Protein backbone atom coordinates (compact mmCIF):
# COMPACT_ATOMS: atom_id res chain seq x y z
CA UNK A 1 28.35 68.89 -14.25
CA UNK A 2 25.55 66.67 -13.43
CA UNK A 3 25.67 63.22 -13.74
CA UNK A 4 22.23 61.01 -14.29
CA UNK A 5 23.30 57.70 -13.37
CA UNK A 6 20.94 54.60 -13.38
CA UNK A 7 21.46 52.60 -10.45
CA UNK A 8 20.63 48.97 -11.65
CA UNK A 9 17.62 46.99 -11.02
CA UNK A 10 18.41 46.14 -7.19
CA UNK A 11 21.35 44.43 -6.22
CA UNK A 12 24.56 46.76 -5.39
CA UNK A 13 26.71 45.25 -7.51
CA UNK A 14 24.70 45.55 -10.63
CA UNK A 15 25.66 49.05 -11.15
CA UNK A 16 27.78 49.71 -13.98
CA UNK A 17 31.35 50.40 -13.64
CA UNK A 18 31.13 53.74 -15.11
CA UNK A 19 28.02 54.34 -12.68
CA UNK A 20 30.25 53.42 -9.73
CA UNK A 21 33.06 55.40 -10.46
CA UNK A 22 30.89 58.16 -10.96
CA UNK A 23 29.29 57.78 -7.62
CA UNK A 24 32.57 57.80 -5.88
CA UNK A 25 33.60 61.01 -7.38
CA UNK A 26 30.44 63.08 -6.80
CA UNK A 27 30.59 66.00 -4.42
CA UNK A 28 26.63 66.02 -4.37
CA UNK A 29 24.20 63.19 -4.45
CA UNK A 30 20.57 62.83 -4.98
CA UNK A 31 19.30 59.38 -4.80
CA UNK A 32 15.95 57.92 -5.30
CA UNK A 33 15.80 56.86 -1.64
CA UNK A 34 12.54 54.88 -1.98
CA UNK A 35 13.87 52.55 -4.68
CA UNK A 36 17.53 52.81 -4.83
CA UNK A 37 19.58 50.08 -2.96
CA UNK A 38 20.84 51.82 0.28
CA UNK A 39 24.04 50.44 -0.15
CA UNK A 40 25.06 52.34 -2.90
CA UNK A 41 25.18 55.93 -1.06
CA UNK A 42 27.37 54.35 0.99
CA UNK A 43 29.75 54.30 -1.74
CA UNK A 44 30.21 57.93 -1.78
CA UNK A 45 33.27 59.90 -0.74
CA UNK A 46 33.54 61.51 2.79
CA UNK A 47 31.99 65.15 2.78
CA UNK A 48 29.81 64.14 -0.02
CA UNK A 49 26.47 65.96 0.41
CA UNK A 50 23.54 63.26 0.19
CA UNK A 51 20.13 63.92 -0.58
CA UNK A 52 17.06 61.66 -0.85
CA UNK A 53 14.90 62.53 -3.52
CA UNK A 54 11.67 60.45 -2.37
CA UNK A 55 10.83 63.62 -0.01
CA UNK A 56 11.52 66.54 -2.51
CA UNK A 57 9.74 68.00 -5.26
CA UNK A 58 11.09 68.58 -8.94
CA UNK A 59 11.81 72.23 -8.36
CA UNK A 60 13.81 71.07 -4.76
CA UNK A 61 16.08 68.96 -6.83
CA UNK A 62 16.93 71.31 -9.45
CA UNK A 63 17.55 73.88 -7.01
CA UNK A 64 20.09 71.39 -5.28
CA UNK A 65 21.90 71.14 -8.86
CA UNK A 66 21.87 74.80 -9.52
CA UNK A 67 23.33 75.48 -6.46
CA UNK A 68 26.17 72.68 -6.72
CA UNK A 69 26.94 74.05 -10.08
CA UNK A 70 27.30 77.51 -8.79
CA UNK A 71 29.88 76.44 -6.30
CA UNK A 72 31.68 74.13 -9.04
CA UNK A 73 30.60 70.93 -6.98
CA UNK A 74 30.05 67.33 -9.30
CA UNK A 75 26.60 66.38 -8.61
CA UNK A 76 25.11 62.83 -9.32
CA UNK A 77 21.42 62.29 -9.92
CA UNK A 78 20.90 58.18 -9.04
CA UNK A 79 18.10 56.84 -10.32
CA UNK A 80 16.70 53.43 -10.00
CA UNK A 81 16.90 50.71 -13.11
CA UNK A 82 17.79 52.66 -16.00
CA UNK A 83 16.67 56.23 -16.85
CA UNK A 84 14.90 55.60 -20.26
CA UNK A 85 11.99 53.74 -18.78
CA UNK A 86 9.65 55.69 -16.34
CA UNK A 87 12.60 57.84 -14.81
CA UNK A 88 11.57 61.20 -15.14
CA UNK A 89 14.54 62.08 -17.07
CA UNK A 90 13.22 64.60 -19.65
CA UNK A 91 11.58 66.76 -17.10
CA UNK A 92 14.92 67.07 -15.32
CA UNK A 93 17.04 67.69 -18.16
CA UNK A 94 14.67 69.94 -19.90
CA UNK A 95 15.27 72.66 -16.85
CA UNK A 96 19.23 72.38 -16.90
CA UNK A 97 19.36 73.14 -20.51
CA UNK A 98 17.36 76.25 -19.52
CA UNK A 99 19.87 77.03 -16.91
CA UNK A 100 22.86 75.99 -19.20
CA UNK A 101 23.86 73.43 -16.64
CA UNK A 102 25.93 70.71 -18.63
CA UNK A 103 24.82 67.04 -18.00
CA UNK A 104 25.64 63.25 -18.60
CA UNK A 105 23.59 60.22 -18.77
CA UNK A 106 24.98 56.85 -17.83
CA UNK A 107 22.62 53.94 -18.32
CA UNK A 108 21.82 51.44 -15.81
CA UNK A 109 20.30 47.59 -15.70
CA UNK A 110 16.49 47.70 -15.79
CA UNK A 111 14.10 45.81 -13.59
CA UNK A 112 12.82 44.49 -16.54
CA UNK A 113 16.16 42.66 -17.62
CA UNK A 114 16.80 41.79 -13.50
CA UNK A 115 13.34 39.58 -13.81
CA UNK A 116 14.19 38.00 -16.83
CA UNK A 117 17.40 36.86 -15.05
CA UNK A 118 15.75 35.82 -12.08
CA UNK A 119 13.09 33.75 -14.26
CA UNK A 120 16.15 32.41 -15.95
CA UNK A 121 13.91 33.74 -19.15
CA UNK A 122 14.46 34.86 -22.77
CA UNK A 123 12.08 37.67 -23.89
CA UNK A 124 12.19 36.59 -27.65
CA UNK A 125 11.93 33.17 -28.60
CA UNK A 126 11.81 31.95 -32.20
CA UNK A 127 8.60 31.03 -33.15
CA UNK A 128 6.71 32.45 -30.18
CA UNK A 129 7.65 36.10 -29.63
CA UNK A 130 9.99 38.43 -31.82
CA UNK A 131 8.84 41.80 -29.73
CA UNK A 132 8.33 42.99 -26.20
CA UNK A 133 5.62 45.52 -25.24
CA UNK A 134 6.91 47.60 -22.14
CA UNK A 135 3.83 49.28 -20.32
CA UNK A 136 1.93 49.85 -17.56
CA UNK A 137 -1.61 50.31 -16.16
CA UNK A 138 -3.47 53.75 -15.80
CA UNK A 139 -3.30 54.43 -12.41
CA UNK A 140 -3.05 57.95 -10.91
CA UNK A 141 -1.17 59.24 -13.50
CA UNK A 142 -2.98 58.50 -17.07
CA UNK A 143 -1.93 56.59 -20.02
CA UNK A 144 -2.78 57.74 -23.46
CA UNK A 145 -6.16 55.77 -24.73
CA UNK A 146 -4.41 54.33 -27.67
CA UNK A 147 -1.77 52.59 -25.24
CA UNK A 148 -4.55 50.45 -23.76
CA UNK A 149 -3.75 46.94 -22.37
CA UNK A 150 -6.50 45.57 -24.49
CA UNK A 151 -4.73 47.00 -27.48
CA UNK A 152 -1.04 45.53 -26.80
CA UNK A 153 -2.58 42.02 -25.31
CA UNK A 154 -4.34 41.82 -29.12
CA UNK A 155 -0.34 41.33 -30.38
CA UNK A 156 0.17 38.22 -28.56
CA UNK A 157 3.84 39.23 -28.13
CA UNK A 158 5.96 39.46 -24.69
CA UNK A 159 4.61 41.98 -22.55
CA UNK A 160 6.41 43.46 -19.20
CA UNK A 161 4.19 45.37 -17.41
CA UNK A 162 5.59 47.95 -15.02
CA UNK A 163 3.77 49.75 -12.10
CA UNK A 164 0.67 47.52 -11.90
CA UNK A 165 1.09 45.03 -9.16
CA UNK A 166 -1.64 46.70 -7.25
CA UNK A 167 -4.16 46.22 -9.90
CA UNK A 168 -3.92 42.59 -11.03
CA UNK A 169 -7.44 42.24 -11.07
CA UNK A 170 -8.19 44.86 -13.79
CA UNK A 171 -5.00 44.03 -15.52
CA UNK A 172 -6.22 40.24 -15.71
CA UNK A 173 -9.42 40.95 -16.92
CA UNK A 174 -8.11 43.71 -19.58
CA UNK A 175 -5.60 41.03 -21.07
CA UNK A 176 -8.10 38.35 -21.45
CA UNK A 177 -10.71 41.21 -22.92
CA UNK A 178 -7.83 42.08 -25.33
CA UNK A 179 -7.14 38.40 -26.33
CA UNK A 180 -5.23 36.82 -24.02
CA UNK A 181 -6.18 33.19 -23.21
CA UNK A 182 -6.77 32.87 -19.51
CA UNK A 183 -4.31 30.13 -19.22
CA UNK A 184 -1.20 32.26 -21.08
CA UNK A 185 2.09 31.95 -18.76
CA UNK A 186 2.40 34.96 -16.83
CA UNK A 187 5.19 35.56 -13.94
CA UNK A 188 5.19 38.23 -10.90
CA UNK A 189 8.68 39.05 -9.91
CA UNK A 190 8.74 41.02 -6.54
CA UNK A 191 12.14 43.08 -5.89
CA UNK A 192 14.12 41.35 -8.81
CA UNK A 193 17.94 40.65 -7.65
CA UNK A 194 17.33 41.88 -4.40
CA UNK A 195 17.80 39.61 -1.32
CA UNK A 196 14.32 39.23 -0.88
CA UNK A 197 13.35 38.95 -4.34
CA UNK A 198 10.22 36.53 -4.82
CA UNK A 199 9.23 35.01 -8.03
CA UNK A 200 5.77 33.70 -8.80
CA UNK A 201 4.56 32.10 -11.91
CA UNK A 202 1.21 31.79 -12.65
CA UNK A 203 -1.31 32.45 -15.89
CA UNK A 204 -3.13 35.68 -16.85
CA UNK A 205 -6.31 34.16 -15.18
CA UNK A 206 -4.32 33.57 -11.91
CA UNK A 207 -2.75 36.92 -11.66
CA UNK A 208 -4.74 38.39 -8.98
CA UNK A 209 -4.95 35.07 -6.76
CA UNK A 210 -1.43 34.88 -7.17
CA UNK A 211 -0.83 38.68 -6.00
CA UNK A 212 -3.27 38.19 -3.24
CA UNK A 213 -1.48 35.05 -1.96
CA UNK A 214 1.77 36.31 -1.66
CA UNK A 215 0.64 39.93 -0.37
CA UNK A 216 2.00 41.70 -3.50
CA UNK A 217 1.00 45.20 -3.95
CA UNK A 218 3.98 47.11 -5.33
CA UNK A 219 7.79 46.70 -6.14
CA UNK A 220 7.18 44.07 -8.74
CA UNK A 221 7.20 43.46 -12.68
CA UNK A 222 4.78 41.57 -14.01
CA UNK A 223 5.50 39.34 -17.28
CA UNK A 224 2.97 37.71 -19.72
CA UNK A 225 3.49 35.60 -22.75
CA UNK A 226 4.19 32.32 -24.12
CA UNK A 227 8.02 32.93 -23.83
CA UNK A 228 7.49 31.77 -20.53
CA UNK A 229 6.15 28.28 -21.53
CA UNK A 230 8.00 25.45 -22.77
CA UNK A 231 7.57 25.40 -26.81
CA UNK A 232 9.86 27.24 -29.01
CA UNK A 233 11.82 27.18 -31.95
CA UNK A 234 15.66 26.55 -32.10
CA UNK A 235 17.18 29.78 -33.59
CA UNK A 236 19.13 29.89 -36.60
CA UNK A 237 22.09 31.50 -35.20
CA UNK A 238 23.88 28.14 -34.64
CA UNK A 239 22.01 25.85 -36.78
CA UNK A 240 24.52 24.31 -38.64
CA UNK A 241 22.52 24.16 -41.96
CA UNK A 242 22.42 27.89 -41.89
CA UNK A 243 25.18 30.13 -43.27
CA UNK A 244 26.30 33.05 -42.10
CA UNK A 245 29.10 35.75 -42.52
CA UNK A 246 31.65 33.62 -40.08
CA UNK A 247 30.28 29.83 -40.84
CA UNK A 248 29.62 28.02 -44.05
CA UNK A 249 26.62 25.67 -43.97
CA UNK A 250 27.03 22.03 -42.95
CA UNK A 251 25.34 19.33 -44.68
C-alpha cells in the first residue's frame, strides 16, 4: 500500500491526526524535502527508509514505491499542503494504477488556508466576494491561455495566487490590466504557519514594491481582493430576522 499524505501548510502540528498515524506506521517514506517541515520525517519509526524527493525524478520516486511494494512494505508519500493543489498527484497515481499498486490519499491543510489564518481573514464575505480563484502565474511551466491573470481579475472576486512571488511586477501590471484597481487590498504571506512566517499587507499597485522591500522571491502566497478591506455585510446565518431550519425569525 502507498499512502499519499498532505503534510499541511508548514507547522508540524498542522498535519492531520490520520496523516500523523500513517507517518508513524510507514516502512518507507518519500517526502518533499524542499517544502515539508523537517520535523515531520523525525516522527517515522526506527528503521523507516527515508528518501528526499527534492533530489529525485518521477521515475525514481515510482521505482522506490514499486520495490517497497514487492517487499511487502508500507510506503508514505509525504507532500506539502494538500495534494489536490499543485501536488503532482495524478502523474504518480497513474503510474501506480499501471503497476497495479493500491494507494490512498489523505488530505492536508493547504497553504492558502494557512495564509488566511495568518491574516485572520475570511476569503468569502457577504456583499464583497462569494468566490475564490486559485491560480498562478505562468513561469517555466505554462498556464492555459484561457486562464490568464487578466481574465480572472475581471471577476473582482478573491484571488489566491500560488508560485508567483518572484513575478510580482508582472503580476501587479496584469491584475490592473484585467480590471483590479491599483488600490485593491492585497497581501503577501511568506511561509504561512512556519516559525519565520511573515505577513505583508499592501495594495495591488504596491505588490512589487512590497516584495522587493521584504526580499520576497519564493515560498509566499499572494492574496488579492476586497475581502482584505474593512467593508462587508453581515451574514444571514446569525441574523435574528432570518429564519432557518433550526431557528425561528425574531421581530
